[in-house]
């Protein structure tokens, strides 16, 4: 069945975009890099364009944001503060061990 002019134009546009657009592998690396540092405008636009058309890369980007948010909670020093001072008994035990080792 022959294609109508609109279908031909859509097909030609898709072929052009496939040739010009970065691959999903490239985009996934750019998404990850963009979370660690600022990317140039051209690369950010390339990501946005690709993600707007590719559900897999859109899902990958969302998963990375969720992981970063979850890990960020555990990396927050105020949330996961560790007691920095020793108890008096632990200090005494440590001092005794150091003194015994120095003899």
C-alpha atoms as a PDB file:
ATOM      1  CA  UNK A   1       0.000   0.000   0.000  1.00  0.00           C
ATOM      2  CA  UNK A   2       1.559   3.324  -1.003  1.00  0.00           C
ATOM      3  CA  UNK A   3       2.209   5.980   1.621  1.00  0.00           C
ATOM      4  CA  UNK A   4       0.410   9.298   1.489  1.00  0.00           C
ATOM      5  CA  UNK A   5       2.525  12.508   1.468  1.00  0.00           C
ATOM      6  CA  UNK A   6       2.128  13.053   5.238  1.00  0.00           C
ATOM      7  CA  UNK A   7       3.256   9.501   6.012  1.00  0.00           C
ATOM      8  CA  UNK A   8       6.246   9.938   3.676  1.00  0.00           C
ATOM      9  CA  UNK A   9       7.212  13.171   5.437  1.00  0.00           C
ATOM     10  CA  UNK A  10       6.902  11.518   8.861  1.00  0.00           C
ATOM     11  CA  UNK A  11       8.966   8.553   7.693  1.00  0.00           C
ATOM     12  CA  UNK A  12      11.667  10.834   6.254  1.00  0.00           C
ATOM     13  CA  UNK A  13      11.732  12.887   9.478  1.00  0.00           C
ATOM     14  CA  UNK A  14      12.112   9.757  11.603  1.00  0.00           C
ATOM     15  CA  UNK A  15      14.991   8.499   9.428  1.00  0.00           C
ATOM     16  CA  UNK A  16      16.720  11.864   9.720  1.00  0.00           C
ATOM     17  CA  UNK A  17      16.254  11.978  13.489  1.00  0.00           C
ATOM     18  CA  UNK A  18      17.622   8.467  13.886  1.00  0.00           C
ATOM     19  CA  UNK A  19      20.760   9.470  11.986  1.00  0.00           C
ATOM     20  CA  UNK A  20      21.222  12.768  13.836  1.00  0.00           C
ATOM     21  CA  UNK A  21      20.052  11.898  17.346  1.00  0.00           C
ATOM     22  CA  UNK A  22      22.510  10.350  19.811  1.00  0.00           C
ATOM     23  CA  UNK A  23      21.948   6.719  20.744  1.00  0.00           C
ATOM     24  CA  UNK A  24      20.298   5.619  23.965  1.00  0.00           C
ATOM     25  CA  UNK A  25      23.728   4.567  25.232  1.00  0.00           C
ATOM     26  CA  UNK A  26      25.107   8.068  24.614  1.00  0.00           C
ATOM     27  CA  UNK A  27      22.082   9.684  26.217  1.00  0.00           C
ATOM     28  CA  UNK A  28      22.271   7.474  29.312  1.00  0.00           C
ATOM     29  CA  UNK A  29      25.902   8.526  29.801  1.00  0.00           C
ATOM     30  CA  UNK A  30      24.948  12.178  29.356  1.00  0.00           C
ATOM     31  CA  UNK A  31      22.081  11.841  31.845  1.00  0.00           C
ATOM     32  CA  UNK A  32      24.460  10.391  34.405  1.00  0.00           C
ATOM     33  CA  UNK A  33      27.125  13.029  33.718  1.00  0.00           C
ATOM     34  CA  UNK A  34      24.511  15.771  33.956  1.00  0.00           C
ATOM     35  CA  UNK A  35      23.761  14.753  37.512  1.00  0.00           C
ATOM     36  CA  UNK A  36      27.394  15.242  38.514  1.00  0.00           C
ATOM     37  CA  UNK A  37      28.200  18.451  36.659  1.00  0.00           C
ATOM     38  CA  UNK A  38      26.677  21.155  34.462  1.00  0.00           C
ATOM     39  CA  UNK A  39      26.507  20.183  30.811  1.00  0.00           C
ATOM     40  CA  UNK A  40      26.657  22.580  27.870  1.00  0.00           C
ATOM     41  CA  UNK A  41      23.320  23.797  26.553  1.00  0.00           C
ATOM     42  CA  UNK A  42      23.572  21.731  23.377  1.00  0.00           C
ATOM     43  CA  UNK A  43      23.996  18.482  25.322  1.00  0.00           C
ATOM     44  CA  UNK A  44      21.154  19.357  27.702  1.00  0.00           C
ATOM     45  CA  UNK A  45      18.872  20.051  24.753  1.00  0.00           C
ATOM     46  CA  UNK A  46      19.957  16.799  23.130  1.00  0.00           C
ATOM     47  CA  UNK A  47      18.985  14.923  26.301  1.00  0.00           C
ATOM     48  CA  UNK A  48      15.616  16.695  26.537  1.00  0.00           C
ATOM     49  CA  UNK A  49      14.779  15.970  22.901  1.00  0.00           C
ATOM     50  CA  UNK A  50      15.755  12.322  23.133  1.00  0.00           C
ATOM     51  CA  UNK A  51      14.024  11.746  26.480  1.00  0.00           C
ATOM     52  CA  UNK A  52      10.848  13.364  25.183  1.00  0.00           C
ATOM     53  CA  UNK A  53      10.654  10.680  22.478  1.00  0.00           C
ATOM     54  CA  UNK A  54      12.232   7.648  24.163  1.00  0.00           C
ATOM     55  CA  UNK A  55      10.301   6.052  27.000  1.00  0.00           C
ATOM     56  CA  UNK A  56      13.235   3.848  27.984  1.00  0.00           C
ATOM     57  CA  UNK A  57      15.617   6.767  28.481  1.00  0.00           C
ATOM     58  CA  UNK A  58      12.862   8.694  30.259  1.00  0.00           C
ATOM     59  CA  UNK A  59      12.446   5.734  32.629  1.00  0.00           C
ATOM     60  CA  UNK A  60      16.226   5.487  33.112  1.00  0.00           C
ATOM     61  CA  UNK A  61      16.437   9.199  33.980  1.00  0.00           C
ATOM     62  CA  UNK A  62      13.612   8.866  36.498  1.00  0.00           C
ATOM     63  CA  UNK A  63      15.270   5.823  38.102  1.00  0.00           C
ATOM     64  CA  UNK A  64      18.575   7.675  38.437  1.00  0.00           C
ATOM     65  CA  UNK A  65      16.830  10.607  40.115  1.00  0.00           C
ATOM     66  CA  UNK A  66      15.120   8.230  42.551  1.00  0.00           C
ATOM     67  CA  UNK A  67      18.400   6.463  43.346  1.00  0.00           C
ATOM     68  CA  UNK A  68      20.196   9.771  43.843  1.00  0.00           C
ATOM     69  CA  UNK A  69      17.454  10.986  46.150  1.00  0.00           C
ATOM     70  CA  UNK A  70      17.545   7.769  48.179  1.00  0.00           C
ATOM     71  CA  UNK A  71      21.314   7.661  48.465  1.00  0.00           C
ATOM     72  CA  UNK A  72      21.427  11.375  49.221  1.00  0.00           C
ATOM     73  CA  UNK A  73      19.356  10.761  52.331  1.00  0.00           C
ATOM     74  CA  UNK A  74      21.959   8.353  53.682  1.00  0.00           C
ATOM     75  CA  UNK A  75      24.849  10.616  52.725  1.00  0.00           C
ATOM     76  CA  UNK A  76      23.440  13.548  54.724  1.00  0.00           C
ATOM     77  CA  UNK A  77      25.735  13.939  57.761  1.00  0.00           C
ATOM     78  CA  UNK A  78      23.013  15.480  59.905  1.00  0.00           C
ATOM     79  CA  UNK A  79      20.671  12.548  59.363  1.00  0.00           C
ATOM     80  CA  UNK A  80      23.352   9.898  59.887  1.00  0.00           C
ATOM     81  CA  UNK A  81      25.535  11.601  62.473  1.00  0.00           C
ATOM     82  CA  UNK A  82      27.938   9.314  64.278  1.00  0.00           C
ATOM     83  CA  UNK A  83      28.855  10.049  67.863  1.00  0.00           C
ATOM     84  CA  UNK A  84      32.347  11.528  67.659  1.00  0.00           C
ATOM     85  CA  UNK A  85      33.362  11.319  71.308  1.00  0.00           C
ATOM     86  CA  UNK A  86      34.128   8.172  73.224  1.00  0.00           C
ATOM     87  CA  UNK A  87      32.562   7.281  76.510  1.00  0.00           C
ATOM     88  CA  UNK A  88      34.800   7.783  79.575  1.00  0.00           C
ATOM     89  CA  UNK A  89      35.129   4.004  79.992  1.00  0.00           C
ATOM     90  CA  UNK A  90      36.185   3.562  76.361  1.00  0.00           C
ATOM     91  CA  UNK A  91      38.729   6.394  76.670  1.00  0.00           C
ATOM     92  CA  UNK A  92      40.217   4.819  79.787  1.00  0.00           C
ATOM     93  CA  UNK A  93      40.420   1.408  78.120  1.00  0.00           C
ATOM     94  CA  UNK A  94      42.095   2.908  75.043  1.00  0.00           C
ATOM     95  CA  UNK A  95      44.604   4.892  77.134  1.00  0.00           C
ATOM     96  CA  UNK A  96      45.454   1.759  79.136  1.00  0.00           C
ATOM     97  CA  UNK A  97      45.969  -0.268  75.933  1.00  0.00           C
ATOM     98  CA  UNK A  98      48.237   2.424  74.482  1.00  0.00           C
ATOM     99  CA  UNK A  99      50.228   2.666  77.712  1.00  0.00           C
ATOM    100  CA  UNK A 100      50.675  -1.117  77.854  1.00  0.00           C
ATOM    101  CA  UNK A 101      51.801  -1.167  74.227  1.00  0.00           C
ATOM    102  CA  UNK A 102      54.338   1.611  74.823  1.00  0.00           C
ATOM    103  CA  UNK A 103      56.065  -0.402  77.608  1.00  0.00           C
END
